[in-house]
Amino acid sequence: MERSRQLILPPSGTPLRERLDVWFVRNRLEICVRAEVEEAGLLRALGGAGRGVFPARAALSAKVEDRGPA
């Protein structure tokens, strides 16, 4: 059985979170939200520490891409 990834997402009710929630439903994805974080720097810090996967702008992809198992 594949281990599901835990997500670090913006809080419910924010525009980005609403778009993500719609995308999850459209793609029939069951998600596990580990944390809801407003501050982008904290979001990246938690993700970078291996605490979960988080959404990032395409412009930041080189800085935040998966670098293998933590």
N, C-alpha and C. Protein backbone atom coordinates (compact mmCIF):
# COMPACT_ATOMS: atom_id res chain seq x y z
N MET A 1 0.84 -1.19 0.00
CA MET A 1 0.00 0.00 0.00
C MET A 1 0.89 1.24 0.00
N GLU A 2 0.55 2.19 -0.84
CA GLU A 2 1.32 3.42 -0.94
C GLU A 2 0.97 4.37 0.19
N ARG A 3 1.97 4.96 0.80
CA ARG A 3 1.76 5.93 1.87
C ARG A 3 1.30 7.25 1.25
N SER A 4 0.21 7.80 1.75
CA SER A 4 -0.26 9.07 1.22
C SER A 4 0.57 10.21 1.79
N ARG A 5 0.71 11.23 1.01
CA ARG A 5 1.47 12.41 1.43
C ARG A 5 0.58 13.30 2.28
N GLN A 6 1.15 13.85 3.31
CA GLN A 6 0.42 14.80 4.13
C GLN A 6 0.65 16.19 3.57
N LEU A 7 -0.41 16.99 3.56
CA LEU A 7 -0.36 18.31 2.96
C LEU A 7 -0.31 19.41 4.01
N ILE A 8 0.42 20.46 3.66
CA ILE A 8 0.43 21.70 4.43
C ILE A 8 -0.21 22.73 3.50
N LEU A 9 -1.37 23.21 3.90
CA LEU A 9 -2.16 24.07 3.01
C LEU A 9 -2.49 25.40 3.66
N PRO A 10 -2.87 26.37 2.81
CA PRO A 10 -3.39 27.63 3.35
C PRO A 10 -4.70 27.32 4.11
N PRO A 11 -5.11 28.20 5.01
CA PRO A 11 -6.34 27.97 5.78
C PRO A 11 -7.58 27.88 4.90
N SER A 12 -8.56 27.12 5.37
CA SER A 12 -9.85 27.05 4.68
C SER A 12 -10.43 28.45 4.55
N GLY A 13 -11.09 28.69 3.43
CA GLY A 13 -11.71 29.99 3.20
C GLY A 13 -10.84 30.98 2.44
N THR A 14 -9.55 30.71 2.32
CA THR A 14 -8.70 31.61 1.53
C THR A 14 -8.88 31.27 0.05
N PRO A 15 -8.67 32.24 -0.83
CA PRO A 15 -8.88 31.98 -2.27
C PRO A 15 -8.06 30.80 -2.81
N LEU A 16 -6.79 30.72 -2.43
CA LEU A 16 -5.98 29.61 -2.92
C LEU A 16 -6.51 28.27 -2.41
N ARG A 17 -6.86 28.21 -1.14
CA ARG A 17 -7.37 26.96 -0.57
C ARG A 17 -8.67 26.55 -1.25
N GLU A 18 -9.53 27.51 -1.53
CA GLU A 18 -10.78 27.19 -2.22
C GLU A 18 -10.51 26.59 -3.59
N ARG A 19 -9.55 27.16 -4.33
CA ARG A 19 -9.20 26.60 -5.65
C ARG A 19 -8.60 25.22 -5.52
N LEU A 20 -7.76 25.03 -4.51
CA LEU A 20 -7.16 23.71 -4.29
C LEU A 20 -8.23 22.68 -3.94
N ASP A 21 -9.15 23.04 -3.06
CA ASP A 21 -10.21 22.11 -2.66
C ASP A 21 -11.06 21.68 -3.85
N VAL A 22 -11.37 22.62 -4.74
CA VAL A 22 -12.12 22.29 -5.95
C VAL A 22 -11.30 21.32 -6.82
N TRP A 23 -10.00 21.59 -6.96
CA TRP A 23 -9.14 20.73 -7.77
C TRP A 23 -9.06 19.32 -7.18
N PHE A 24 -8.95 19.21 -5.85
CA PHE A 24 -8.91 17.90 -5.21
C PHE A 24 -10.18 17.11 -5.51
N VAL A 25 -11.34 17.77 -5.41
CA VAL A 25 -12.62 17.11 -5.67
C VAL A 25 -12.72 16.70 -7.13
N ARG A 26 -12.39 17.61 -8.04
CA ARG A 26 -12.46 17.29 -9.48
C ARG A 26 -11.59 16.09 -9.85
N ASN A 27 -10.46 15.99 -9.19
CA ASN A 27 -9.52 14.90 -9.49
C ASN A 27 -9.70 13.69 -8.57
N ARG A 28 -10.77 13.72 -7.77
CA ARG A 28 -11.12 12.62 -6.87
C ARG A 28 -9.96 12.22 -5.96
N LEU A 29 -9.33 13.23 -5.40
CA LEU A 29 -8.20 12.99 -4.51
C LEU A 29 -8.65 13.08 -3.06
N GLU A 30 -8.31 12.09 -2.30
CA GLU A 30 -8.54 12.14 -0.86
C GLU A 30 -7.26 12.66 -0.25
N ILE A 31 -7.37 13.73 0.50
CA ILE A 31 -6.17 14.37 1.04
C ILE A 31 -6.11 14.24 2.55
N CYS A 32 -4.92 14.37 3.07
CA CYS A 32 -4.68 14.39 4.51
C CYS A 32 -3.99 15.70 4.82
N VAL A 33 -4.71 16.61 5.45
CA VAL A 33 -4.14 17.92 5.79
C VAL A 33 -3.44 17.83 7.14
N ARG A 34 -2.15 18.02 7.11
CA ARG A 34 -1.36 17.96 8.35
C ARG A 34 -1.41 19.29 9.09
N ALA A 35 -1.42 20.39 8.32
CA ALA A 35 -1.44 21.71 8.95
C ALA A 35 -2.04 22.72 7.99
N GLU A 36 -2.63 23.76 8.54
CA GLU A 36 -3.11 24.91 7.78
C GLU A 36 -2.28 26.10 8.22
N VAL A 37 -1.59 26.73 7.27
CA VAL A 37 -0.65 27.79 7.59
C VAL A 37 -0.90 29.00 6.69
N GLU A 38 -0.97 30.18 7.27
CA GLU A 38 -1.18 31.41 6.49
C GLU A 38 0.11 31.97 5.93
N GLU A 39 1.17 31.93 6.68
CA GLU A 39 2.44 32.57 6.32
C GLU A 39 3.22 31.70 5.34
N ALA A 40 3.53 32.25 4.17
CA ALA A 40 4.22 31.50 3.11
C ALA A 40 5.60 31.00 3.56
N GLY A 41 6.31 31.81 4.33
CA GLY A 41 7.63 31.38 4.80
C GLY A 41 7.55 30.17 5.72
N LEU A 42 6.55 30.16 6.60
CA LEU A 42 6.35 29.01 7.49
C LEU A 42 5.93 27.78 6.69
N LEU A 43 5.10 27.99 5.69
CA LEU A 43 4.68 26.90 4.81
C LEU A 43 5.90 26.24 4.17
N ARG A 44 6.80 27.04 3.62
CA ARG A 44 8.02 26.51 3.00
C ARG A 44 8.95 25.87 4.02
N ALA A 45 9.04 26.47 5.21
CA ALA A 45 9.91 25.91 6.24
C ALA A 45 9.42 24.53 6.69
N LEU A 46 8.13 24.40 6.91
CA LEU A 46 7.57 23.10 7.32
C LEU A 46 7.75 22.07 6.21
N GLY A 47 7.47 22.47 4.99
CA GLY A 47 7.66 21.56 3.86
C GLY A 47 9.11 21.17 3.68
N GLY A 48 9.99 22.14 3.80
CA GLY A 48 11.41 21.88 3.65
C GLY A 48 11.96 20.97 4.73
N ALA A 49 11.30 20.96 5.89
CA ALA A 49 11.72 20.10 6.99
C ALA A 49 11.10 18.71 6.89
N GLY A 50 10.37 18.47 5.79
CA GLY A 50 9.79 17.15 5.59
C GLY A 50 8.48 16.93 6.33
N ARG A 51 7.84 18.01 6.77
CA ARG A 51 6.58 17.88 7.52
C ARG A 51 5.37 17.67 6.63
N GLY A 52 5.52 17.87 5.31
CA GLY A 52 4.41 17.67 4.39
C GLY A 52 4.68 18.34 3.06
N VAL A 53 3.77 18.11 2.14
CA VAL A 53 3.84 18.69 0.80
C VAL A 53 2.99 19.95 0.80
N PHE A 54 3.43 20.97 0.07
CA PHE A 54 2.69 22.23 0.06
C PHE A 54 2.64 22.82 -1.33
N PRO A 55 1.62 23.65 -1.63
CA PRO A 55 1.55 24.29 -2.94
C PRO A 55 2.55 25.44 -3.02
N ALA A 56 3.15 25.59 -4.20
CA ALA A 56 4.09 26.69 -4.42
C ALA A 56 3.91 27.20 -5.85
N ARG A 57 4.19 28.46 -6.04
CA ARG A 57 4.13 29.04 -7.38
C ARG A 57 5.18 28.40 -8.27
N ALA A 58 4.88 28.32 -9.56
CA ALA A 58 5.83 27.73 -10.52
C ALA A 58 7.17 28.45 -10.48
N ALA A 59 7.15 29.75 -10.21
CA ALA A 59 8.40 30.52 -10.17
C ALA A 59 9.33 30.06 -9.05
N LEU A 60 8.77 29.40 -8.02
CA LEU A 60 9.58 28.94 -6.90
C LEU A 60 9.95 27.46 -7.00
N SER A 61 9.53 26.80 -8.06
CA SER A 61 9.70 25.35 -8.13
C SER A 61 11.15 24.89 -7.98
N ALA A 62 12.09 25.60 -8.54
CA ALA A 62 13.50 25.19 -8.43
C ALA A 62 13.98 25.22 -6.98
N LYS A 63 13.40 26.10 -6.16
CA LYS A 63 13.83 26.21 -4.78
C LYS A 63 13.15 25.18 -3.87
N VAL A 64 11.98 24.68 -4.26
CA VAL A 64 11.22 23.83 -3.35
C VAL A 64 10.95 22.42 -3.87
N GLU A 65 11.47 22.06 -5.03
CA GLU A 65 11.21 20.72 -5.57
C GLU A 65 11.69 19.64 -4.62
N ASP A 66 11.03 18.50 -4.72
CA ASP A 66 11.39 17.34 -3.92
C ASP A 66 12.82 16.93 -4.20
N ARG A 67 13.58 16.76 -3.16
CA ARG A 67 14.98 16.38 -3.32
C ARG A 67 15.21 14.96 -2.86
N GLY A 68 14.15 14.15 -2.84
CA GLY A 68 14.26 12.75 -2.44
C GLY A 68 13.74 12.55 -1.03
N PRO A 69 13.80 11.31 -0.57
CA PRO A 69 13.28 10.99 0.77
C PRO A 69 14.03 11.75 1.86
N ALA A 70 13.26 12.18 2.84
CA ALA A 70 13.85 12.92 3.96
C ALA A 70 14.43 11.98 4.99
